[in-house]
C-alpha atoms as a PDB file:
ATOM      1  CA  MET A   1      42.951  75.679 -52.028  1.00  0.00           C
ATOM      2  CA  LEU A   2      45.365  72.600 -51.610  1.00  0.00           C
ATOM      3  CA  SER A   3      48.738  73.015 -50.839  1.00  0.00           C
ATOM      4  CA  ARG A   4      49.816  71.282 -54.208  1.00  0.00           C
ATOM      5  CA  VAL A   5      48.062  73.554 -56.233  1.00  0.00           C
ATOM      6  CA  ALA A   6      49.297  76.419 -54.572  1.00  0.00           C
ATOM      7  CA  ASN A   7      52.821  75.424 -54.702  1.00  0.00           C
ATOM      8  CA  ASN A   8      52.640  74.349 -58.595  1.00  0.00           C
ATOM      9  CA  LEU A   9      50.822  77.802 -59.149  1.00  0.00           C
ATOM     10  CA  ILE A  10      53.681  79.367 -57.295  1.00  0.00           C
ATOM     11  CA  TRP A  11      56.268  77.562 -59.206  1.00  0.00           C
ATOM     12  CA  LEU A  12      55.138  78.091 -62.748  1.00  0.00           C
ATOM     13  CA  GLU A  13      55.855  81.877 -62.707  1.00  0.00           C
ATOM     14  CA  ARG A  14      58.950  81.407 -60.716  1.00  0.00           C
ATOM     15  CA  TYR A  15      60.074  79.381 -63.838  1.00  0.00           C
ATOM     16  CA  MET A  16      58.927  81.705 -66.770  1.00  0.00           C
ATOM     17  CA  GLU A  17      60.197  84.729 -64.577  1.00  0.00           C
ATOM     18  CA  ARG A  18      63.978  82.827 -64.425  1.00  0.00           C
ATOM     19  CA  GLY A  19      63.400  82.357 -68.361  1.00  0.00           C
ATOM     20  CA  ASN A  20      62.633  85.719 -68.892  1.00  0.00           C
ATOM     21  CA  GLY A  21      65.710  86.980 -66.933  1.00  0.00           C
ATOM     22  CA  MET A  22      68.125  84.729 -68.449  1.00  0.00           C
ATOM     23  CA  LEU A  23      66.917  85.588 -72.104  1.00  0.00           C
ATOM     24  CA  SER A  24      67.453  89.423 -70.804  1.00  0.00           C
ATOM     25  CA  LEU A  25      71.254  88.662 -69.558  1.00  0.00           C
ATOM     26  CA  LEU A  26      72.268  86.811 -72.691  1.00  0.00           C
ATOM     27  CA  LYS A  27      71.280  88.978 -75.407  1.00  0.00           C
ATOM     28  CA  VAL A  28      72.832  91.920 -73.267  1.00  0.00           C
ATOM     29  CA  ASN A  29      75.519  90.250 -72.657  1.00  0.00           C
ATOM     30  CA  TYR A  30      75.557  89.248 -76.575  1.00  0.00           C
ATOM     31  CA  TYR A  31      75.792  92.304 -77.705  1.00  0.00           C
ATOM     32  CA  ALA A  32      78.472  93.739 -74.682  1.00  0.00           C
ATOM     33  CA  ASN A  33      80.793  90.488 -75.524  1.00  0.00           C
ATOM     34  CA  GLN A  34      80.941  91.539 -79.591  1.00  0.00           C
ATOM     35  CA  ASP A  35      82.193  94.592 -78.450  1.00  0.00           C
ATOM     36  CA  SER A  36      84.423  94.121 -75.342  1.00  0.00           C
ATOM     37  CA  PRO A  37      84.974  90.437 -75.032  1.00  0.00           C
ATOM     38  CA  GLU A  38      87.967  90.921 -72.554  1.00  0.00           C
ATOM     39  CA  LEU A  39      85.188  92.641 -70.427  1.00  0.00           C
ATOM     40  CA  PHE A  40      81.624  90.545 -70.738  1.00  0.00           C
ATOM     41  CA  SER A  41      82.720  86.952 -70.612  1.00  0.00           C
ATOM     42  CA  TRP A  42      79.885  84.248 -70.959  1.00  0.00           C
ATOM     43  CA  GLU A  43      81.603  82.606 -67.839  1.00  0.00           C
ATOM     44  CA  PRO A  44      79.924  84.479 -64.990  1.00  0.00           C
ATOM     45  CA  ILE A  45      76.008  83.395 -67.034  1.00  0.00           C
ATOM     46  CA  ILE A  46      77.392  79.905 -67.545  1.00  0.00           C
ATOM     47  CA  ARG A  47      78.801  79.449 -64.089  1.00  0.00           C
ATOM     48  CA  ASN A  48      75.505  81.145 -62.362  1.00  0.00           C
ATOM     49  CA  TYR A  49      73.036  79.298 -64.656  1.00  0.00           C
ATOM     50  CA  ASN A  50      73.931  75.693 -65.232  1.00  0.00           C
ATOM     51  CA  ALA A  51      72.591  73.411 -62.943  1.00  0.00           C
ATOM     52  CA  SER A  52      73.937  70.480 -64.192  1.00  0.00           C
ATOM     53  CA  SER A  53      76.397  67.960 -63.249  1.00  0.00           C
ATOM     54  CA  GLU A  54      78.741  68.419 -66.089  1.00  0.00           C
ATOM     55  CA  PRO A  55      80.940  71.495 -66.196  1.00  0.00           C
ATOM     56  CA  PHE A  56      80.557  73.725 -68.710  1.00  0.00           C
ATOM     57  CA  HIS A  57      82.797  76.020 -70.399  1.00  0.00           C
ATOM     58  CA  THR A  58      83.182  77.888 -74.000  1.00  0.00           C
ATOM     59  CA  GLU A  59      83.367  81.554 -74.870  1.00  0.00           C
ATOM     60  CA  ASP A  60      81.351  81.076 -78.364  1.00  0.00           C
ATOM     61  CA  ALA A  61      78.412  83.356 -78.129  1.00  0.00           C
ATOM     62  CA  ILE A  62      76.193  80.738 -79.837  1.00  0.00           C
ATOM     63  CA  GLU A  63      77.296  77.948 -77.966  1.00  0.00           C
ATOM     64  CA  CYS A  64      76.659  79.308 -74.454  1.00  0.00           C
ATOM     65  CA  ILE A  65      72.735  80.737 -75.790  1.00  0.00           C
ATOM     66  CA  GLU A  66      72.518  77.016 -77.376  1.00  0.00           C
ATOM     67  CA  PHE A  67      73.449  75.791 -73.839  1.00  0.00           C
ATOM     68  CA  LEU A  68      71.413  77.632 -71.882  1.00  0.00           C
ATOM     69  CA  VAL A  69      68.579  77.342 -73.817  1.00  0.00           C
ATOM     70  CA  PHE A  70      68.299  74.191 -75.325  1.00  0.00           C
ATOM     71  CA  ASN A  71      70.447  71.482 -73.241  1.00  0.00           C
ATOM     72  CA  THR A  72      68.269  69.342 -71.420  1.00  0.00           C
ATOM     73  CA  GLY A  73      70.800  68.047 -69.332  1.00  0.00           C
ATOM     74  CA  ASN A  74      71.044  71.495 -67.455  1.00  0.00           C
ATOM     75  CA  PRO A  75      67.927  72.148 -65.403  1.00  0.00           C
ATOM     76  CA  ASN A  76      68.195  76.117 -65.716  1.00  0.00           C
ATOM     77  CA  SER A  77      67.806  75.301 -69.402  1.00  0.00           C
ATOM     78  CA  ILE A  78      65.077  77.715 -70.942  1.00  0.00           C
ATOM     79  CA  LEU A  79      64.008  74.501 -72.445  1.00  0.00           C
ATOM     80  CA  ASN A  80      63.630  72.633 -68.777  1.00  0.00           C
ATOM     81  CA  LEU A  81      61.919  75.988 -67.276  1.00  0.00           C
ATOM     82  CA  VAL A  82      59.453  76.169 -69.787  1.00  0.00           C
ATOM     83  CA  ILE A  83      58.723  72.239 -69.676  1.00  0.00           C
ATOM     84  CA  LYS A  84      58.214  72.431 -66.193  1.00  0.00           C
ATOM     85  CA  ALA A  85      56.277  75.443 -65.853  1.00  0.00           C
ATOM     86  CA  ARG A  86      53.851  73.812 -68.306  1.00  0.00           C
ATOM     87  CA  GLU A  87      53.898  70.696 -66.263  1.00  0.00           C
ATOM     88  CA  ASN A  88      52.698  72.514 -63.378  1.00  0.00           C
ATOM     89  CA  ALA A  89      50.241  74.294 -65.380  1.00  0.00           C
ATOM     90  CA  ARG A  90      48.610  71.191 -66.459  1.00  0.00           C
ATOM     91  CA  SER A  91      48.785  70.234 -63.204  1.00  0.00           C
ATOM     92  CA  VAL A  92      46.091  72.813 -62.109  1.00  0.00           C
ATOM     93  CA  GLN A  93      44.398  73.453 -65.732  1.00  0.00           C
ATOM     94  CA  GLU A  94      41.440  74.375 -63.777  1.00  0.00           C
ATOM     95  CA  HIS A  95      42.695  77.217 -61.800  1.00  0.00           C
ATOM     96  CA  ILE A  96      44.180  79.040 -64.442  1.00  0.00           C
ATOM     97  CA  SER A  97      42.520  80.901 -67.792  1.00  0.00           C
ATOM     98  CA  ARG A  98      42.553  78.638 -71.322  1.00  0.00           C
ATOM     99  CA  GLU A  99      44.350  81.331 -72.873  1.00  0.00           C
ATOM    100  CA  LEU A 100      46.721  81.442 -70.365  1.00  0.00           C
ATOM    101  CA  TRP A 101      47.534  77.883 -70.643  1.00  0.00           C
ATOM    102  CA  LEU A 102      47.333  77.989 -74.579  1.00  0.00           C
ATOM    103  CA  SER A 103      50.225  80.486 -74.645  1.00  0.00           C
ATOM    104  CA  LEU A 104      52.613  78.530 -72.194  1.00  0.00           C
ATOM    105  CA  ASN A 105      51.658  75.242 -75.013  1.00  0.00           C
ATOM    106  CA  ASN A 106      52.173  76.946 -77.449  1.00  0.00           C
ATOM    107  CA  TYR A 107      55.500  78.308 -76.400  1.00  0.00           C
ATOM    108  CA  TYR A 108      56.687  74.635 -75.021  1.00  0.00           C
ATOM    109  CA  LEU A 109      55.495  73.699 -78.968  1.00  0.00           C
ATOM    110  CA  TYR A 110      57.649  76.237 -80.532  1.00  0.00           C
ATOM    111  CA  LEU A 111      60.296  75.498 -78.440  1.00  0.00           C
ATOM    112  CA  THR A 112      60.751  71.963 -78.834  1.00  0.00           C
ATOM    113  CA  ARG A 113      60.542  72.507 -83.130  1.00  0.00           C
ATOM    114  CA  LYS A 114      63.193  70.343 -84.325  1.00  0.00           C
ATOM    115  CA  ASP A 115      64.974  73.275 -86.567  1.00  0.00           C
ATOM    116  CA  LEU A 116      65.219  75.610 -83.761  1.00  0.00           C
ATOM    117  CA  ILE A 117      68.758  75.171 -83.084  1.00  0.00           C
ATOM    118  CA  LYS A 118      69.395  75.087 -86.626  1.00  0.00           C
ATOM    119  CA  LYS A 119      67.755  78.861 -87.068  1.00  0.00           C
ATOM    120  CA  LEU A 120      70.004  79.783 -83.864  1.00  0.00           C
ATOM    121  CA  ARG A 121      73.158  78.835 -85.342  1.00  0.00           C
ATOM    122  CA  GLU A 122      72.593  80.032 -88.797  1.00  0.00           C
ATOM    123  CA  GLU A 123      70.561  83.008 -88.540  1.00  0.00           C
ATOM    124  CA  ASP A 124      70.804  86.479 -86.314  1.00  0.00           C
ATOM    125  CA  PRO A 125      70.894  85.398 -82.568  1.00  0.00           C
ATOM    126  CA  ILE A 126      69.428  88.511 -81.039  1.00  0.00           C
ATOM    127  CA  ALA A 127      66.258  87.929 -83.453  1.00  0.00           C
ATOM    128  CA  PHE A 128      66.505  84.501 -82.214  1.00  0.00           C
ATOM    129  CA  LEU A 129      65.907  85.480 -78.125  1.00  0.00           C
ATOM    130  CA  ASP A 130      63.732  88.821 -79.313  1.00  0.00           C
ATOM    131  CA  GLU A 131      61.245  85.303 -80.792  1.00  0.00           C
ATOM    132  CA  LEU A 132      61.709  83.497 -77.390  1.00  0.00           C
ATOM    133  CA  LYS A 133      61.382  87.386 -75.113  1.00  0.00           C
ATOM    134  CA  LYS A 134      57.993  87.399 -76.993  1.00  0.00           C
ATOM    135  CA  TYR A 135      56.787  84.393 -75.402  1.00  0.00           C
ATOM    136  CA  HIS A 136      57.390  85.363 -71.891  1.00  0.00           C
ATOM    137  CA  LEU A 137      55.678  89.108 -72.626  1.00  0.00           C
ATOM    138  CA  THR A 138      52.704  87.026 -73.659  1.00  0.00           C
ATOM    139  CA  HIS A 139      52.627  85.338 -70.759  1.00  0.00           C
ATOM    140  CA  ASN A 140      52.698  88.193 -68.284  1.00  0.00           C
ATOM    141  CA  GLY A 141      49.975  90.101 -70.697  1.00  0.00           C
ATOM    142  CA  THR A 142      47.655  87.054 -70.819  1.00  0.00           C
ATOM    143  CA  MET A 143      47.842  86.200 -67.082  1.00  0.00           C
ATOM    144  CA  ASP A 144      47.486  89.817 -65.978  1.00  0.00           C
ATOM    145  CA  ILE A 145      44.226  90.313 -68.531  1.00  0.00           C
ATOM    146  CA  THR A 146      42.706  86.737 -68.496  1.00  0.00           C
ATOM    147  CA  GLN A 147      42.941  85.489 -64.829  1.00  0.00           C
ATOM    148  CA  GLU A 148      40.812  86.306 -62.309  1.00  0.00           C
ATOM    149  CA  ARG A 149      41.737  87.868 -58.989  1.00  0.00           C
ATOM    150  CA  GLY A 150      41.712  85.659 -56.844  1.00  0.00           C
ATOM    151  CA  PRO A 151      43.923  82.932 -55.027  1.00  0.00           C
ATOM    152  CA  ALA A 152      45.116  81.190 -57.925  1.00  0.00           C
ATOM    153  CA  TYR A 153      46.438  84.716 -59.093  1.00  0.00           C
ATOM    154  CA  TYR A 154      48.083  85.817 -55.873  1.00  0.00           C
ATOM    155  CA  PHE A 155      50.166  82.678 -55.624  1.00  0.00           C
ATOM    156  CA  MET A 156      51.573  82.921 -58.976  1.00  0.00           C
ATOM    157  CA  ASN A 157      52.305  86.655 -58.464  1.00  0.00           C
ATOM    158  CA  VAL A 158      53.783  85.618 -54.984  1.00  0.00           C
ATOM    159  CA  GLY A 159      56.132  83.112 -57.222  1.00  0.00           C
ATOM    160  CA  LYS A 160      56.557  85.892 -60.099  1.00  0.00           C
ATOM    161  CA  PHE A 161      57.910  88.573 -57.541  1.00  0.00           C
ATOM    162  CA  LEU A 162      59.622  85.980 -55.356  1.00  0.00           C
ATOM    163  CA  GLU A 163      62.228  85.076 -58.660  1.00  0.00           C
ATOM    164  CA  ARG A 164      62.204  88.964 -59.574  1.00  0.00           C
ATOM    165  CA  VAL A 165      63.795  89.938 -56.349  1.00  0.00           C
ATOM    166  CA  ILE A 166      66.520  86.838 -56.533  1.00  0.00           C
ATOM    167  CA  GLN A 167      67.314  87.539 -59.340  1.00  0.00           C
ATOM    168  CA  ILE A 168      67.950  91.640 -58.910  1.00  0.00           C
ATOM    169  CA  SER A 169      70.516  90.092 -56.345  1.00  0.00           C
ATOM    170  CA  ASP A 170      71.853  87.518 -58.274  1.00  0.00           C
ATOM    171  CA  PHE A 171      72.593  89.765 -61.835  1.00  0.00           C
ATOM    172  CA  THR A 172      73.794  92.163 -59.661  1.00  0.00           C
ATOM    173  CA  GLU A 173      76.507  90.465 -57.532  1.00  0.00           C
ATOM    174  CA  MET A 174      77.619  89.097 -61.269  1.00  0.00           C
ATOM    175  CA  LYS A 175      78.451  92.618 -62.098  1.00  0.00           C
ATOM    176  CA  LEU A 176      80.129  93.616 -58.694  1.00  0.00           C
ATOM    177  CA  ILE A 177      82.388  90.462 -59.356  1.00  0.00           C
ATOM    178  CA  GLU A 178      83.818  91.977 -62.274  1.00  0.00           C
ATOM    179  CA  ILE A 179      83.963  95.573 -61.207  1.00  0.00           C
ATOM    180  CA  ALA A 180      86.056  94.456 -58.483  1.00  0.00           C
ATOM    181  CA  LYS A 181      88.574  93.172 -60.888  1.00  0.00           C
ATOM    182  CA  THR A 182      89.324  96.367 -62.418  1.00  0.00           C
ATOM    183  CA  SER A 183      89.812 100.231 -61.234  1.00  0.00           C
ATOM    184  CA  ASP A 184      89.028 101.856 -64.651  1.00  0.00           C
ATOM    185  CA  SER A 185      85.959 104.320 -63.872  1.00  0.00           C
ATOM    186  CA  LEU A 186      84.916 103.853 -67.111  1.00  0.00           C
ATOM    187  CA  GLU A 187      85.259  99.684 -67.953  1.00  0.00           C
ATOM    188  CA  GLN A 188      82.859 100.201 -64.169  1.00  0.00           C
ATOM    189  CA  SER A 189      80.478 102.347 -65.806  1.00  0.00           C
ATOM    190  CA  PHE A 190      79.997  99.640 -68.574  1.00  0.00           C
ATOM    191  CA  TYR A 191      79.688  97.122 -66.113  1.00  0.00           C
ATOM    192  CA  TRP A 192      76.962  99.225 -64.504  1.00  0.00           C
ATOM    193  CA  LYS A 193      75.256 100.414 -67.959  1.00  0.00           C
ATOM    194  CA  ASN A 194      74.968  96.385 -68.588  1.00  0.00           C
ATOM    195  CA  LEU A 195      73.300  95.394 -65.385  1.00  0.00           C
ATOM    196  CA  LEU A 196      70.735  98.208 -66.449  1.00  0.00           C
ATOM    197  CA  LEU A 197      69.934  96.936 -69.047  1.00  0.00           C
ATOM    198  CA  SER A 198      70.116  93.102 -68.162  1.00  0.00           C
ATOM    199  CA  VAL A 199      66.968  94.554 -65.678  1.00  0.00           C
ATOM    200  CA  GLY A 200      65.661  97.265 -68.539  1.00  0.00           C
ATOM    201  CA  GLY A 201      66.586 100.449 -66.229  1.00  0.00           C
ATOM    202  CA  TYR A 202      68.467 101.848 -69.036  1.00  0.00           C
ATOM    203  CA  GLN A 203      65.842 104.015 -70.494  1.00  0.00           C
ATOM    204  CA  LEU A 204      64.500 104.752 -67.621  1.00  0.00           C
ATOM    205  CA  TYR A 205      67.903 105.892 -65.754  1.00  0.00           C
ATOM    206  CA  LEU A 206      68.656 108.213 -68.951  1.00  0.00           C
ATOM    207  CA  LYS A 207      65.610 109.960 -68.410  1.00  0.00           C
ATOM    208  CA  THR A 208      66.838 110.708 -64.656  1.00  0.00           C
ATOM    209  CA  HIS A 209      69.974 110.808 -64.565  1.00  0.00           C
ATOM    210  CA  LYS A 210      71.375 111.593 -68.411  1.00  0.00           C
ATOM    211  CA  SER A 211      74.191 109.393 -69.781  1.00  0.00           C
ATOM    212  CA  SER A 212      76.489 109.496 -65.999  1.00  0.00           C
ATOM    213  CA  PHE A 213      76.631 106.040 -64.780  1.00  0.00           C
ATOM    214  CA  GLN A 214      77.486 106.617 -61.185  1.00  0.00           C
ATOM    215  CA  GLU A 215      77.335 103.654 -58.995  1.00  0.00           C
ATOM    216  CA  ASN A 216      75.232 105.761 -56.093  1.00  0.00           C
ATOM    217  CA  HIS A 217      72.755 106.589 -58.874  1.00  0.00           C
ATOM    218  CA  VAL A 218      72.442 102.808 -60.387  1.00  0.00           C
ATOM    219  CA  ILE A 219      71.985 101.005 -56.938  1.00  0.00           C
ATOM    220  CA  THR A 220      69.207 103.615 -55.901  1.00  0.00           C
ATOM    221  CA  MET A 221      67.150 103.237 -58.788  1.00  0.00           C
ATOM    222  CA  ILE A 222      67.770  99.103 -59.054  1.00  0.00           C
ATOM    223  CA  PHE A 223      67.185  98.817 -54.945  1.00  0.00           C
ATOM    224  CA  GLN A 224      65.094 101.771 -53.746  1.00  0.00           C
ATOM    225  CA  ASP A 225      62.682 103.075 -56.738  1.00  0.00           C
ATOM    226  CA  LYS A 226      59.504 102.883 -56.222  1.00  0.00           C
ATOM    227  CA  LEU A 227      58.131 102.678 -59.760  1.00  0.00           C
ATOM    228  CA  PHE A 228      60.279 101.129 -61.729  1.00  0.00           C
ATOM    229  CA  PRO A 229      58.893  97.522 -61.797  1.00  0.00           C
ATOM    230  CA  ARG A 230      62.184  95.423 -62.017  1.00  0.00           C
ATOM    231  CA  SER A 231      63.485  97.393 -58.527  1.00  0.00           C
ATOM    232  CA  MET A 232      64.187  95.272 -55.284  1.00  0.00           C
ATOM    233  CA  TYR A 233      61.922  98.021 -53.729  1.00  0.00           C
ATOM    234  CA  TYR A 234      59.022  97.444 -56.165  1.00  0.00           C
ATOM    235  CA  CYS A 235      59.056  93.957 -56.150  1.00  0.00           C
ATOM    236  CA  VAL A 236      58.985  93.536 -52.286  1.00  0.00           C
ATOM    237  CA  SER A 237      56.084  95.802 -52.181  1.00  0.00           C
ATOM    238  CA  LYS A 238      54.545  93.917 -54.934  1.00  0.00           C
ATOM    239  CA  LEU A 239      55.099  91.178 -52.816  1.00  0.00           C
ATOM    240  CA  GLY A 240      53.995  91.933 -49.594  1.00  0.00           C
ATOM    241  CA  ARG A 241      50.701  93.241 -50.871  1.00  0.00           C
ATOM    242  CA  HIS A 242      49.841  89.465 -53.060  1.00  0.00           C
ATOM    243  CA  ILE A 243      50.709  88.019 -49.390  1.00  0.00           C
ATOM    244  CA  ASN A 244      48.479  90.474 -47.649  1.00  0.00           C
ATOM    245  CA  GLN A 245      45.516  89.738 -50.002  1.00  0.00           C
ATOM    246  CA  LEU A 246      45.966  85.529 -49.975  1.00  0.00           C
ATOM    247  CA  ILE A 247      45.875  86.042 -45.517  1.00  0.00           C
ATOM    248  CA  GLU A 248      43.013  88.647 -45.669  1.00  0.00           C
ATOM    249  CA  ILE A 249      41.072  85.830 -47.888  1.00  0.00           C
ATOM    250  CA  GLN A 250      42.303  83.457 -45.165  1.00  0.00           C
ATOM    251  CA  GLU A 251      44.436  81.062 -47.874  1.00  0.00           C
ATOM    252  CA  LEU A 252      47.003  82.339 -45.511  1.00  0.00           C
ATOM    253  CA  GLU A 253      47.589  82.124 -41.370  1.00  0.00           C
ATOM    254  CA  LYS A 254      48.600  85.576 -40.483  1.00  0.00           C
ATOM    255  CA  ASN A 255      52.747  84.591 -39.153  1.00  0.00           C
ATOM    256  CA  ASN A 256      55.667  86.592 -38.605  1.00  0.00           C
ATOM    257  CA  THR A 257      55.315  86.278 -42.741  1.00  0.00           C
ATOM    258  CA  GLU A 258      53.976  89.744 -42.314  1.00  0.00           C
ATOM    259  CA  PHE A 259      56.795  91.127 -40.028  1.00  0.00           C
ATOM    260  CA  LEU A 260      59.499  89.848 -42.508  1.00  0.00           C
ATOM    261  CA  LEU A 261      58.156  91.490 -45.176  1.00  0.00           C
ATOM    262  CA  GLY A 262      57.724  94.799 -43.493  1.00  0.00           C
ATOM    263  CA  LYS A 263      61.301  94.398 -42.245  1.00  0.00           C
ATOM    264  CA  LEU A 264      62.714  93.975 -45.470  1.00  0.00           C
ATOM    265  CA  GLU A 265      61.341  96.429 -47.521  1.00  0.00           C
ATOM    266  CA  SER A 266      62.096  99.134 -44.833  1.00  0.00           C
ATOM    267  CA  THR A 267      65.349  97.680 -45.127  1.00  0.00           C
ATOM    268  CA  ILE A 268      65.716  98.466 -48.247  1.00  0.00           C
ATOM    269  CA  LYS A 269      63.660 101.755 -48.482  1.00  0.00           C
ATOM    270  CA  TYR A 270      65.345 103.506 -45.703  1.00  0.00           C
ATOM    271  CA  THR A 271      69.341 102.338 -46.287  1.00  0.00           C
ATOM    272  CA  SER A 272      70.977 105.029 -47.262  1.00  0.00           C
ATOM    273  CA  ILE A 273      73.360 104.465 -49.773  1.00  0.00           C
ATOM    274  CA  GLU A 274      76.183 105.524 -47.069  1.00  0.00           C
ATOM    275  CA  SER A 275      75.342 102.880 -45.006  1.00  0.00           C
ATOM    276  CA  ILE A 276      75.063 100.485 -48.081  1.00  0.00           C
ATOM    277  CA  ASN A 277      78.825 101.719 -48.906  1.00  0.00           C
ATOM    278  CA  GLU A 278      79.902 101.589 -45.559  1.00  0.00           C
ATOM    279  CA  GLN A 279      78.664  97.991 -45.145  1.00  0.00           C
ATOM    280  CA  GLY A 280      79.722  97.394 -49.004  1.00  0.00           C
ATOM    281  CA  LEU A 281      76.758  96.199 -51.609  1.00  0.00           C
ATOM    282  CA  HIS A 282      77.775  92.882 -51.573  1.00  0.00           C
ATOM    283  CA  ASN A 283      76.688  92.413 -47.935  1.00  0.00           C
ATOM    284  CA  PHE A 284      73.344  94.633 -48.101  1.00  0.00           C
ATOM    285  CA  ILE A 285      72.619  91.690 -51.059  1.00  0.00           C
ATOM    286  CA  LEU A 286      73.786  89.024 -49.070  1.00  0.00           C
ATOM    287  CA  GLY A 287      71.496  90.140 -46.353  1.00  0.00           C
ATOM    288  CA  ILE A 288      68.547  90.749 -48.703  1.00  0.00           C
ATOM    289  CA  LYS A 289      69.053  87.064 -49.876  1.00  0.00           C
ATOM    290  CA  GLU A 290      68.773  86.014 -46.346  1.00  0.00           C
ATOM    291  CA  ASP A 291      66.281  87.831 -45.682  1.00  0.00           C
ATOM    292  CA  ILE A 292      63.992  86.198 -49.143  1.00  0.00           C
ATOM    293  CA  ARG A 293      64.850  82.515 -48.149  1.00  0.00           C
ATOM    294  CA  ASN A 294      63.429  83.464 -44.469  1.00  0.00           C
ATOM    295  CA  ILE A 295      60.474  85.109 -46.374  1.00  0.00           C
ATOM    296  CA  SER A 296      59.565  81.865 -48.695  1.00  0.00           C
ATOM    297  CA  THR A 297      60.364  79.512 -45.865  1.00  0.00           C
ATOM    298  CA  SER A 298      58.350  80.923 -43.346  1.00  0.00           C
ATOM    299  CA  ILE A 299      55.711  80.859 -46.297  1.00  0.00           C
ATOM    300  CA  ASN A 300      55.877  77.181 -47.036  1.00  0.00           C
ATOM    301  CA  THR A 301      55.945  76.673 -43.178  1.00  0.00           C
ATOM    302  CA  VAL A 302      52.514  78.387 -42.265  1.00  0.00           C
ATOM    303  CA  TYR A 303      50.979  76.999 -45.790  1.00  0.00           C
ATOM    304  CA  PHE A 304      52.617  74.159 -47.350  1.00  0.00           C
ATOM    305  CA  SER A 305      53.072  72.483 -43.997  1.00  0.00           C
ATOM    306  CA  HIS A 306      49.748  72.813 -42.643  1.00  0.00           C
ATOM    307  CA  SER A 307      47.024  72.260 -45.872  1.00  0.00           C
ATOM    308  CA  SER A 308      45.482  69.329 -46.916  1.00  0.00           C
END
């Protein structure tokens, strides 16, 4: 497979996964902000996802959602992410299923409707965000059901799980900054609950730990749970699996990527809560981010520097 094609497939899924995570974050923060605006500001989300050259400040929920969904000057807006994902998909149409292309194109056509901003401003913003979220769920399901298992599928999953690991790290870091500002245990539990809702782990957590949002339990689930599809461990395991499949079919050369992934997986799996607390969760996350950067660089070096 041409390196250009592989790169477009990876970024197609990275853009879609980023958009999916952002929509979850916006929906959860909208609910929390309505109840406790003093605790759940829009500023951290804007700071994390405003990639434009112009600063943007607001505590108006609708203005924030509109900026992060429609602003064409922000490369991380949902609209721009879908446009870039669609461009990548169009350039590799022969490698993806027709159904996948159609679902993505339908999402683009919906997002570019002239009446959509008015719909956000005048109707229920939660219903609006849920409607966008459905397109991401359709995209994920369509890819899984219709895409043949081969190089294209594996490269797309590398992009998806790579982006998901980064998002888990970013979401947790954002909450840690807020948690550090208060010593009130009840407020801290609100932030942990908010984090679980943002990554889709709230129901699973309640099944396991009832209603007590303890830091150790939350961190164990988000970072080390083997069955939760948005845990760090699960995502890194999946990332390793798809990279190994690419190596087996000789789409990737065998190099230190496997070693780096194995090292990261072991770090996440075997680092105890006591050890995480000792080094500090923030430092633990920074270490994971550094490992992810090294893995990404390794993939680029071995594949995209040598493929024609």
